Amino acid sequence: MRVDPGKALRQMQQRQEQIMEELAQKTVEVTVGGGTVRIVMTGQQEVKELTIAPEVVDPEDVEMLQDLVLAAFNEALERSRDMAEEQMRSLLGGLGIPGLR
């Protein structure tokens, strides 16, 4: 039985589009500073929410707030990328390429 490479490619592209749509709907949530800064990010690395607790806003210590926001953003970005990578691995794993699961 012969496999049609064009059909296989179209199926893979359709599955990739489906995964991208799913990633746009899935989110990761990160909190830092004991919950004082919260970020919600999609699997496509779009920030949906940023919440900062009023008690962490101190005009005398802006650097602390900046550090908290950066830490939350970077952790959310890493988790979002991991989620996207896991989804794409499922696509590539179905191709039977050695080393991919």
PDB file of N, CA and C in Angstrom:
ATOM      1  N   MET A   1       0.837  -1.178   0.000  1.00  0.00           N
ATOM      2  CA  MET A   1       0.000   0.000   0.000  1.00  0.00           C
ATOM      3  C   MET A   1       0.880   1.239   0.000  1.00  0.00           C
ATOM      4  N   ARG A   2       0.618   2.130  -0.903  1.00  0.00           N
ATOM      5  CA  ARG A   2       1.437   3.329  -1.074  1.00  0.00           C
ATOM      6  C   ARG A   2       0.810   4.505  -0.318  1.00  0.00           C
ATOM      7  N   VAL A   3       1.634   5.235   0.381  1.00  0.00           N
ATOM      8  CA  VAL A   3       1.187   6.414   1.110  1.00  0.00           C
ATOM      9  C   VAL A   3       1.334   7.628   0.209  1.00  0.00           C
ATOM     10  N   ASP A   4       0.266   8.417   0.128  1.00  0.00           N
ATOM     11  CA  ASP A   4       0.289   9.638  -0.675  1.00  0.00           C
ATOM     12  C   ASP A   4       0.955  10.742   0.148  1.00  0.00           C
ATOM     13  N   PRO A   5       2.193  11.152  -0.233  1.00  0.00           N
ATOM     14  CA  PRO A   5       2.891  12.163   0.562  1.00  0.00           C
ATOM     15  C   PRO A   5       2.142  13.492   0.615  1.00  0.00           C
ATOM     16  N   GLY A   6       1.455  13.858  -0.457  1.00  0.00           N
ATOM     17  CA  GLY A   6       0.692  15.105  -0.474  1.00  0.00           C
ATOM     18  C   GLY A   6      -0.446  15.074   0.532  1.00  0.00           C
ATOM     19  N   LYS A   7      -1.124  13.944   0.599  1.00  0.00           N
ATOM     20  CA  LYS A   7      -2.224  13.782   1.560  1.00  0.00           C
ATOM     21  C   LYS A   7      -1.692  13.819   2.985  1.00  0.00           C
ATOM     22  N   ALA A   8      -0.573  13.134   3.207  1.00  0.00           N
ATOM     23  CA  ALA A   8       0.025  13.124   4.543  1.00  0.00           C
ATOM     24  C   ALA A   8       0.432  14.537   4.973  1.00  0.00           C
ATOM     25  N   LEU A   9       0.974  15.302   4.036  1.00  0.00           N
ATOM     26  CA  LEU A   9       1.386  16.674   4.335  1.00  0.00           C
ATOM     27  C   LEU A   9       0.173  17.544   4.658  1.00  0.00           C
ATOM     28  N   ARG A  10      -0.895  17.396   3.875  1.00  0.00           N
ATOM     29  CA  ARG A  10      -2.119  18.170   4.141  1.00  0.00           C
ATOM     30  C   ARG A  10      -2.692  17.837   5.508  1.00  0.00           C
ATOM     31  N   GLN A  11      -2.692  16.554   5.855  1.00  0.00           N
ATOM     32  CA  GLN A  11      -3.192  16.132   7.161  1.00  0.00           C
ATOM     33  C   GLN A  11      -2.343  16.730   8.280  1.00  0.00           C
ATOM     34  N   MET A  12      -1.034  16.731   8.081  1.00  0.00           N
ATOM     35  CA  MET A  12      -0.144  17.291   9.087  1.00  0.00           C
ATOM     36  C   MET A  12      -0.389  18.798   9.231  1.00  0.00           C
ATOM     37  N   GLN A  13      -0.580  19.498   8.119  1.00  0.00           N
ATOM     38  CA  GLN A  13      -0.840  20.936   8.172  1.00  0.00           C
ATOM     39  C   GLN A  13      -2.169  21.222   8.866  1.00  0.00           C
ATOM     40  N   GLN A  14      -3.175  20.401   8.588  1.00  0.00           N
ATOM     41  CA  GLN A  14      -4.467  20.579   9.252  1.00  0.00           C
ATOM     42  C   GLN A  14      -4.332  20.358  10.753  1.00  0.00           C
ATOM     43  N   ARG A  15      -3.588  19.338  11.121  1.00  0.00           N
ATOM     44  CA  ARG A  15      -3.386  19.054  12.556  1.00  0.00           C
ATOM     45  C   ARG A  15      -2.602  20.185  13.209  1.00  0.00           C
ATOM     46  N   GLN A  16      -1.613  20.734  12.503  1.00  0.00           N
ATOM     47  CA  GLN A  16      -0.840  21.852  13.052  1.00  0.00           C
ATOM     48  C   GLN A  16      -1.749  23.066  13.275  1.00  0.00           C
ATOM     49  N   GLU A  17      -2.618  23.344  12.330  1.00  0.00           N
ATOM     50  CA  GLU A  17      -3.557  24.461  12.482  1.00  0.00           C
ATOM     51  C   GLU A  17      -4.478  24.226  13.673  1.00  0.00           C
ATOM     52  N   GLN A  18      -4.922  22.992  13.837  1.00  0.00           N
ATOM     53  CA  GLN A  18      -5.783  22.643  14.963  1.00  0.00           C
ATOM     54  C   GLN A  18      -5.040  22.850  16.283  1.00  0.00           C
ATOM     55  N   ILE A  19      -3.790  22.428  16.326  1.00  0.00           N
ATOM     56  CA  ILE A  19      -2.984  22.605  17.541  1.00  0.00           C
ATOM     57  C   ILE A  19      -2.808  24.082  17.850  1.00  0.00           C
ATOM     58  N   MET A  20      -2.548  24.896  16.823  1.00  0.00           N
ATOM     59  CA  MET A  20      -2.372  26.334  17.043  1.00  0.00           C
ATOM     60  C   MET A  20      -3.657  26.959  17.588  1.00  0.00           C
ATOM     61  N   GLU A  21      -4.807  26.530  17.080  1.00  0.00           N
ATOM     62  CA  GLU A  21      -6.079  27.024  17.600  1.00  0.00           C
ATOM     63  C   GLU A  21      -6.272  26.609  19.055  1.00  0.00           C
ATOM     64  N   GLU A  22      -5.913  25.361  19.362  1.00  0.00           N
ATOM     65  CA  GLU A  22      -6.020  24.878  20.739  1.00  0.00           C
ATOM     66  C   GLU A  22      -5.105  25.679  21.661  1.00  0.00           C
ATOM     67  N   LEU A  23      -3.895  25.964  21.197  1.00  0.00           N
ATOM     68  CA  LEU A  23      -2.943  26.724  22.018  1.00  0.00           C
ATOM     69  C   LEU A  23      -3.425  28.150  22.267  1.00  0.00           C
ATOM     70  N   ALA A  24      -4.173  28.702  21.347  1.00  0.00           N
ATOM     71  CA  ALA A  24      -4.713  30.048  21.531  1.00  0.00           C
ATOM     72  C   ALA A  24      -5.758  30.062  22.645  1.00  0.00           C
ATOM     73  N   GLN A  25      -6.381  28.899  22.890  1.00  0.00           N
ATOM     74  CA  GLN A  25      -7.421  28.801  23.916  1.00  0.00           C
ATOM     75  C   GLN A  25      -6.872  28.356  25.277  1.00  0.00           C
ATOM     76  N   LYS A  26      -5.781  27.605  25.262  1.00  0.00           N
ATOM     77  CA  LYS A  26      -5.206  27.110  26.517  1.00  0.00           C
ATOM     78  C   LYS A  26      -4.377  28.204  27.170  1.00  0.00           C
ATOM     79  N   THR A  27      -4.359  28.189  28.500  1.00  0.00           N
ATOM     80  CA  THR A  27      -3.593  29.205  29.216  1.00  0.00           C
ATOM     81  C   THR A  27      -2.754  28.582  30.321  1.00  0.00           C
ATOM     82  N   VAL A  28      -1.734  29.326  30.694  1.00  0.00           N
ATOM     83  CA  VAL A  28      -0.961  29.024  31.893  1.00  0.00           C
ATOM     84  C   VAL A  28      -1.136  30.224  32.822  1.00  0.00           C
ATOM     85  N   GLU A  29      -1.110  29.948  34.108  1.00  0.00           N
ATOM     86  CA  GLU A  29      -1.247  31.006  35.102  1.00  0.00           C
ATOM     87  C   GLU A  29      -0.057  30.936  36.045  1.00  0.00           C
ATOM     88  N   VAL A  30       0.554  32.092  36.273  1.00  0.00           N
ATOM     89  CA  VAL A  30       1.727  32.163  37.136  1.00  0.00           C
ATOM     90  C   VAL A  30       1.506  33.253  38.164  1.00  0.00           C
ATOM     91  N   THR A  31       1.866  32.952  39.399  1.00  0.00           N
ATOM     92  CA  THR A  31       1.857  33.975  40.438  1.00  0.00           C
ATOM     93  C   THR A  31       3.234  34.002  41.089  1.00  0.00           C
ATOM     94  N   VAL A  32       3.673  35.186  41.449  1.00  0.00           N
ATOM     95  CA  VAL A  32       4.940  35.362  42.153  1.00  0.00           C
ATOM     96  C   VAL A  32       4.710  36.323  43.311  1.00  0.00           C
ATOM     97  N   GLY A  33       5.715  36.415  44.168  1.00  0.00           N
ATOM     98  CA  GLY A  33       5.617  37.334  45.298  1.00  0.00           C
ATOM     99  C   GLY A  33       4.473  37.001  46.221  1.00  0.00           C
ATOM    100  N   GLY A  34       4.266  35.704  46.447  1.00  0.00           N
ATOM    101  CA  GLY A  34       3.173  35.301  47.329  1.00  0.00           C
ATOM    102  C   GLY A  34       1.809  35.635  46.754  1.00  0.00           C
ATOM    103  N   GLY A  35       1.701  35.676  45.451  1.00  0.00           N
ATOM    104  CA  GLY A  35       0.433  35.950  44.793  1.00  0.00           C
ATOM    105  C   GLY A  35       0.186  37.421  44.516  1.00  0.00           C
ATOM    106  N   THR A  36       1.189  38.265  44.750  1.00  0.00           N
ATOM    107  CA  THR A  36       0.982  39.701  44.538  1.00  0.00           C
ATOM    108  C   THR A  36       1.003  40.100  43.068  1.00  0.00           C
ATOM    109  N   VAL A  37       1.657  39.285  42.228  1.00  0.00           N
ATOM    110  CA  VAL A  37       1.661  39.527  40.785  1.00  0.00           C
ATOM    111  C   VAL A  37       1.227  38.231  40.110  1.00  0.00           C
ATOM    112  N   ARG A  38       0.243  38.356  39.215  1.00  0.00           N
ATOM    113  CA  ARG A  38      -0.319  37.187  38.524  1.00  0.00           C
ATOM    114  C   ARG A  38      -0.385  37.493  37.033  1.00  0.00           C
ATOM    115  N   ILE A  39       0.043  36.509  36.221  1.00  0.00           N
ATOM    116  CA  ILE A  39      -0.027  36.624  34.766  1.00  0.00           C
ATOM    117  C   ILE A  39      -0.705  35.375  34.217  1.00  0.00           C
ATOM    118  N   VAL A  40      -1.617  35.601  33.270  1.00  0.00           N
ATOM    119  CA  VAL A  40      -2.240  34.512  32.528  1.00  0.00           C
ATOM    120  C   VAL A  40      -1.825  34.700  31.074  1.00  0.00           C
ATOM    121  N   MET A  41      -1.248  33.633  30.483  1.00  0.00           N
ATOM    122  CA  MET A  41      -0.726  33.693  29.122  1.00  0.00           C
ATOM    123  C   MET A  41      -1.247  32.499  28.332  1.00  0.00           C
ATOM    124  N   THR A  42      -1.535  32.715  27.044  1.00  0.00           N
ATOM    125  CA  THR A  42      -1.993  31.619  26.196  1.00  0.00           C
ATOM    126  C   THR A  42      -0.808  30.775  25.725  1.00  0.00           C
ATOM    127  N   GLY A  43      -1.137  29.658  25.109  1.00  0.00           N
ATOM    128  CA  GLY A  43      -0.122  28.797  24.524  1.00  0.00           C
ATOM    129  C   GLY A  43       0.552  29.416  23.314  1.00  0.00           C
ATOM    130  N   GLN A  44       0.027  30.557  22.854  1.00  0.00           N
ATOM    131  CA  GLN A  44       0.660  31.292  21.757  1.00  0.00           C
ATOM    132  C   GLN A  44       1.400  32.517  22.285  1.00  0.00           C
ATOM    133  N   GLN A  45       1.711  32.510  23.556  1.00  0.00           N
ATOM    134  CA  GLN A  45       2.492  33.555  24.234  1.00  0.00           C
ATOM    135  C   GLN A  45       1.818  34.928  24.202  1.00  0.00           C
ATOM    136  N   GLU A  46       0.501  34.952  24.275  1.00  0.00           N
ATOM    137  CA  GLU A  46      -0.237  36.210  24.379  1.00  0.00           C
ATOM    138  C   GLU A  46      -0.664  36.392  25.833  1.00  0.00           C
ATOM    139  N   VAL A  47      -0.294  37.524  26.421  1.00  0.00           N
ATOM    140  CA  VAL A  47      -0.681  37.804  27.803  1.00  0.00           C
ATOM    141  C   VAL A  47      -2.151  38.203  27.815  1.00  0.00           C
ATOM    142  N   LYS A  48      -2.949  37.444  28.566  1.00  0.00           N
ATOM    143  CA  LYS A  48      -4.380  37.713  28.654  1.00  0.00           C
ATOM    144  C   LYS A  48      -4.726  38.541  29.883  1.00  0.00           C
ATOM    145  N   GLU A  49      -3.986  38.328  30.960  1.00  0.00           N
ATOM    146  CA  GLU A  49      -4.264  39.042  32.200  1.00  0.00           C
ATOM    147  C   GLU A  49      -2.962  39.349  32.930  1.00  0.00           C
ATOM    148  N   LEU A  50      -2.945  40.496  33.556  1.00  0.00           N
ATOM    149  CA  LEU A  50      -1.860  40.885  34.459  1.00  0.00           C
ATOM    150  C   LEU A  50      -2.538  41.520  35.660  1.00  0.00           C
ATOM    151  N   THR A  51      -2.324  40.933  36.824  1.00  0.00           N
ATOM    152  CA  THR A  51      -2.919  41.453  38.047  1.00  0.00           C
ATOM    153  C   THR A  51      -1.806  41.785  39.021  1.00  0.00           C
ATOM    154  N   ILE A  52      -1.870  42.984  39.575  1.00  0.00           N
ATOM    155  CA  ILE A  52      -0.890  43.419  40.570  1.00  0.00           C
ATOM    156  C   ILE A  52      -1.659  43.837  41.818  1.00  0.00           C
ATOM    157  N   ALA A  53      -1.344  43.221  42.938  1.00  0.00           N
ATOM    158  CA  ALA A  53      -2.017  43.552  44.201  1.00  0.00           C
ATOM    159  C   ALA A  53      -1.606  44.953  44.645  1.00  0.00           C
ATOM    160  N   PRO A  54      -2.557  45.745  45.114  1.00  0.00           N
ATOM    161  CA  PRO A  54      -2.254  47.123  45.520  1.00  0.00           C
ATOM    162  C   PRO A  54      -1.141  47.232  46.564  1.00  0.00           C
ATOM    163  N   GLU A  55      -1.047  46.256  47.441  1.00  0.00           N
ATOM    164  CA  GLU A  55      -0.046  46.350  48.513  1.00  0.00           C
ATOM    165  C   GLU A  55       1.389  46.248  48.014  1.00  0.00           C
ATOM    166  N   VAL A  56       1.593  45.760  46.794  1.00  0.00           N
ATOM    167  CA  VAL A  56       2.949  45.633  46.262  1.00  0.00           C
ATOM    168  C   VAL A  56       3.377  46.896  45.498  1.00  0.00           C
ATOM    169  N   VAL A  57       2.444  47.812  45.290  1.00  0.00           N
ATOM    170  CA  VAL A  57       2.753  49.058  44.590  1.00  0.00           C
ATOM    171  C   VAL A  57       3.272  50.076  45.607  1.00  0.00           C
ATOM    172  N   ASP A  58       4.589  50.231  45.610  1.00  0.00           N
ATOM    173  CA  ASP A  58       5.245  51.140  46.543  1.00  0.00           C
ATOM    174  C   ASP A  58       6.105  52.111  45.739  1.00  0.00           C
ATOM    175  N   PRO A  59       5.716  53.393  45.697  1.00  0.00           N
ATOM    176  CA  PRO A  59       6.496  54.358  44.915  1.00  0.00           C
ATOM    177  C   PRO A  59       7.948  54.455  45.355  1.00  0.00           C
ATOM    178  N   GLU A  60       8.238  54.038  46.572  1.00  0.00           N
ATOM    179  CA  GLU A  60       9.603  54.075  47.088  1.00  0.00           C
ATOM    180  C   GLU A  60      10.417  52.856  46.645  1.00  0.00           C
ATOM    181  N   ASP A  61       9.732  51.828  46.111  1.00  0.00           N
ATOM    182  CA  ASP A  61      10.431  50.602  45.723  1.00  0.00           C
ATOM    183  C   ASP A  61       9.870  50.066  44.398  1.00  0.00           C
ATOM    184  N   VAL A  62       9.980  50.853  43.366  1.00  0.00           N
ATOM    185  CA  VAL A  62       9.491  50.475  42.042  1.00  0.00           C
ATOM    186  C   VAL A  62      10.273  49.279  41.507  1.00  0.00           C
ATOM    187  N   GLU A  63      11.531  49.186  41.852  1.00  0.00           N
ATOM    188  CA  GLU A  63      12.364  48.085  41.363  1.00  0.00           C
ATOM    189  C   GLU A  63      11.816  46.731  41.787  1.00  0.00           C
ATOM    190  N   MET A  64      11.295  46.623  42.998  1.00  0.00           N
ATOM    191  CA  MET A  64      10.743  45.351  43.454  1.00  0.00           C
ATOM    192  C   MET A  64       9.556  44.948  42.580  1.00  0.00           C
ATOM    193  N   LEU A  65       8.696  45.889  42.283  1.00  0.00           N
ATOM    194  CA  LEU A  65       7.544  45.601  41.432  1.00  0.00           C
ATOM    195  C   LEU A  65       7.995  45.194  40.032  1.00  0.00           C
ATOM    196  N   GLN A  66       8.969  45.889  39.494  1.00  0.00           N
ATOM    197  CA  GLN A  66       9.494  45.536  38.180  1.00  0.00           C
ATOM    198  C   GLN A  66      10.065  44.121  38.193  1.00  0.00           C
ATOM    199  N   ASP A  67      10.799  43.787  39.237  1.00  0.00           N
ATOM    200  CA  ASP A  67      11.374  42.440  39.345  1.00  0.00           C
ATOM    201  C   ASP A  67      10.277  41.376  39.410  1.00  0.00           C
ATOM    202  N   LEU A  68       9.216  41.654  40.160  1.00  0.00           N
ATOM    203  CA  LEU A  68       8.119  40.691  40.279  1.00  0.00           C
ATOM    204  C   LEU A  68       7.417  40.489  38.936  1.00  0.00           C
ATOM    205  N   VAL A  69       7.165  41.584  38.227  1.00  0.00           N
ATOM    206  CA  VAL A  69       6.497  41.472  36.921  1.00  0.00           C
ATOM    207  C   VAL A  69       7.376  40.709  35.933  1.00  0.00           C
ATOM    208  N   LEU A  70       8.664  41.019  35.923  1.00  0.00           N
ATOM    209  CA  LEU A  70       9.582  40.297  35.028  1.00  0.00           C
ATOM    210  C   LEU A  70       9.633  38.809  35.360  1.00  0.00           C
ATOM    211  N   ALA A  71       9.707  38.489  36.643  1.00  0.00           N
ATOM    212  CA  ALA A  71       9.766  37.083  37.052  1.00  0.00           C
ATOM    213  C   ALA A  71       8.494  36.346  36.634  1.00  0.00           C
ATOM    214  N   ALA A  72       7.342  36.981  36.843  1.00  0.00           N
ATOM    215  CA  ALA A  72       6.076  36.352  36.464  1.00  0.00           C
ATOM    216  C   ALA A  72       5.990  36.174  34.954  1.00  0.00           C
ATOM    217  N   PHE A  73       6.357  37.202  34.218  1.00  0.00           N
ATOM    218  CA  PHE A  73       6.288  37.122  32.762  1.00  0.00           C
ATOM    219  C   PHE A  73       7.207  36.026  32.225  1.00  0.00           C
ATOM    220  N   ASN A  74       8.441  35.996  32.707  1.00  0.00           N
ATOM    221  CA  ASN A  74       9.394  34.995  32.208  1.00  0.00           C
ATOM    222  C   ASN A  74       8.969  33.578  32.547  1.00  0.00           C
ATOM    223  N   GLU A  75       8.411  33.372  33.726  1.00  0.00           N
ATOM    224  CA  GLU A  75       7.945  32.038  34.091  1.00  0.00           C
ATOM    225  C   GLU A  75       6.727  31.646  33.245  1.00  0.00           C
ATOM    226  N   ALA A  76       5.815  32.589  33.024  1.00  0.00           N
ATOM    227  CA  ALA A  76       4.645  32.311  32.184  1.00  0.00           C
ATOM    228  C   ALA A  76       5.085  31.983  30.758  1.00  0.00           C
ATOM    229  N   LEU A  77       6.047  32.716  30.244  1.00  0.00           N
ATOM    230  CA  LEU A  77       6.556  32.475  28.898  1.00  0.00           C
ATOM    231  C   LEU A  77       7.162  31.077  28.793  1.00  0.00           C
ATOM    232  N   GLU A  78       7.944  30.705  29.785  1.00  0.00           N
ATOM    233  CA  GLU A  78       8.559  29.374  29.775  1.00  0.00           C
ATOM    234  C   GLU A  78       7.499  28.271  29.824  1.00  0.00           C
ATOM    235  N   ARG A  79       6.515  28.425  30.693  1.00  0.00           N
ATOM    236  CA  ARG A  79       5.452  27.414  30.786  1.00  0.00           C
ATOM    237  C   ARG A  79       4.635  27.347  29.504  1.00  0.00           C
ATOM    238  N   SER A  80       4.363  28.503  28.911  1.00  0.00           N
ATOM    239  CA  SER A  80       3.604  28.542  27.662  1.00  0.00           C
ATOM    240  C   SER A  80       4.369  27.853  26.542  1.00  0.00           C
ATOM    241  N   ARG A  81       5.648  28.120  26.452  1.00  0.00           N
ATOM    242  CA  ARG A  81       6.479  27.469  25.425  1.00  0.00           C
ATOM    243  C   ARG A  81       6.538  25.968  25.642  1.00  0.00           C
ATOM    244  N   ASP A  82       6.644  25.541  26.907  1.00  0.00           N
ATOM    245  CA  ASP A  82       6.663  24.107  27.204  1.00  0.00           C
ATOM    246  C   ASP A  82       5.355  23.451  26.767  1.00  0.00           C
ATOM    247  N   MET A  83       4.243  24.127  27.032  1.00  0.00           N
ATOM    248  CA  MET A  83       2.940  23.597  26.645  1.00  0.00           C
ATOM    249  C   MET A  83       2.857  23.482  25.120  1.00  0.00           C
ATOM    250  N   ALA A  84       3.310  24.518  24.403  1.00  0.00           N
ATOM    251  CA  ALA A  84       3.278  24.499  22.941  1.00  0.00           C
ATOM    252  C   ALA A  84       4.195  23.402  22.398  1.00  0.00           C
ATOM    253  N   GLU A  85       5.364  23.261  22.992  1.00  0.00           N
ATOM    254  CA  GLU A  85       6.309  22.230  22.546  1.00  0.00           C
ATOM    255  C   GLU A  85       5.719  20.839  22.728  1.00  0.00           C
ATOM    256  N   GLU A  86       5.043  20.628  23.843  1.00  0.00           N
ATOM    257  CA  GLU A  86       4.427  19.330  24.099  1.00  0.00           C
ATOM    258  C   GLU A  86       3.340  19.034  23.063  1.00  0.00           C
ATOM    259  N   GLN A  87       2.542  20.034  22.735  1.00  0.00           N
ATOM    260  CA  GLN A  87       1.501  19.860  21.726  1.00  0.00           C
ATOM    261  C   GLN A  87       2.109  19.546  20.360  1.00  0.00           C
ATOM    262  N   MET A  88       3.158  20.268  19.978  1.00  0.00           N
ATOM    263  CA  MET A  88       3.782  20.049  18.674  1.00  0.00           C
ATOM    264  C   MET A  88       4.484  18.689  18.632  1.00  0.00           C
ATOM    265  N   ARG A  89       5.005  18.259  19.760  1.00  0.00           N
ATOM    266  CA  ARG A  89       5.642  16.949  19.819  1.00  0.00           C
ATOM    267  C   ARG A  89       4.635  15.851  19.473  1.00  0.00           C
ATOM    268  N   SER A  90       3.384  16.047  19.900  1.00  0.00           N
ATOM    269  CA  SER A  90       2.363  15.051  19.584  1.00  0.00           C
ATOM    270  C   SER A  90       2.135  14.991  18.066  1.00  0.00           C
ATOM    271  N   LEU A  91       2.231  16.123  17.405  1.00  0.00           N
ATOM    272  CA  LEU A  91       2.097  16.165  15.948  1.00  0.00           C
ATOM    273  C   LEU A  91       3.265  15.461  15.279  1.00  0.00           C
ATOM    274  N   LEU A  92       4.475  15.816  15.683  1.00  0.00           N
ATOM    275  CA  LEU A  92       5.663  15.250  15.059  1.00  0.00           C
ATOM    276  C   LEU A  92       5.875  13.799  15.438  1.00  0.00           C
ATOM    277  N   GLY A  93       5.443  13.419  16.635  1.00  0.00           N
ATOM    278  CA  GLY A  93       5.600  12.035  17.073  1.00  0.00           C
ATOM    279  C   GLY A  93       4.819  11.081  16.200  1.00  0.00           C
ATOM    280  N   GLY A  94       3.711  11.543  15.638  1.00  0.00           N
ATOM    281  CA  GLY A  94       2.892  10.705  14.773  1.00  0.00           C
ATOM    282  C   GLY A  94       3.510  10.454  13.413  1.00  0.00           C
ATOM    283  N   LEU A  95       4.596  11.124  13.119  1.00  0.00           N
ATOM    284  CA  LEU A  95       5.253  10.942  11.823  1.00  0.00           C
ATOM    285  C   LEU A  95       6.246   9.788  11.799  1.00  0.00           C
ATOM    286  N   GLY A  96       6.554   9.263  12.991  1.00  0.00           N
ATOM    287  CA  GLY A  96       7.488   8.146  13.048  1.00  0.00           C
ATOM    288  C   GLY A  96       8.936   8.566  12.855  1.00  0.00           C
ATOM    289  N   ILE A  97       9.261   9.810  13.161  1.00  0.00           N
ATOM    290  CA  ILE A  97      10.637  10.267  13.052  1.00  0.00           C
ATOM    291  C   ILE A  97      11.411   9.760  14.263  1.00  0.00           C
ATOM    292  N   PRO A  98      12.532   9.086  14.052  1.00  0.00           N
ATOM    293  CA  PRO A  98      13.301   8.569  15.186  1.00  0.00           C
ATOM    294  C   PRO A  98      13.682   9.654  16.176  1.00  0.00           C
ATOM    295  N   GLY A  99      13.543   9.318  17.462  1.00  0.00           N
ATOM    296  CA  GLY A  99      13.925  10.270  18.510  1.00  0.00           C
ATOM    297  C   GLY A  99      12.776  11.142  18.984  1.00  0.00           C
ATOM    298  N   LEU A 100      11.659  11.167  18.265  1.00  0.00           N
ATOM    299  CA  LEU A 100      10.485  11.938  18.681  1.00  0.00           C
ATOM    300  C   LEU A 100       9.417  10.990  19.192  1.00  0.00           C
ATOM    301  N   ARG A 101       8.745  11.395  20.245  1.00  0.00           N
ATOM    302  CA  ARG A 101       7.681  10.548  20.807  1.00  0.00           C
ATOM    303  C   ARG A 101       6.355  11.254  20.729  1.00  0.00           C
TER     304      ARG A 101
END
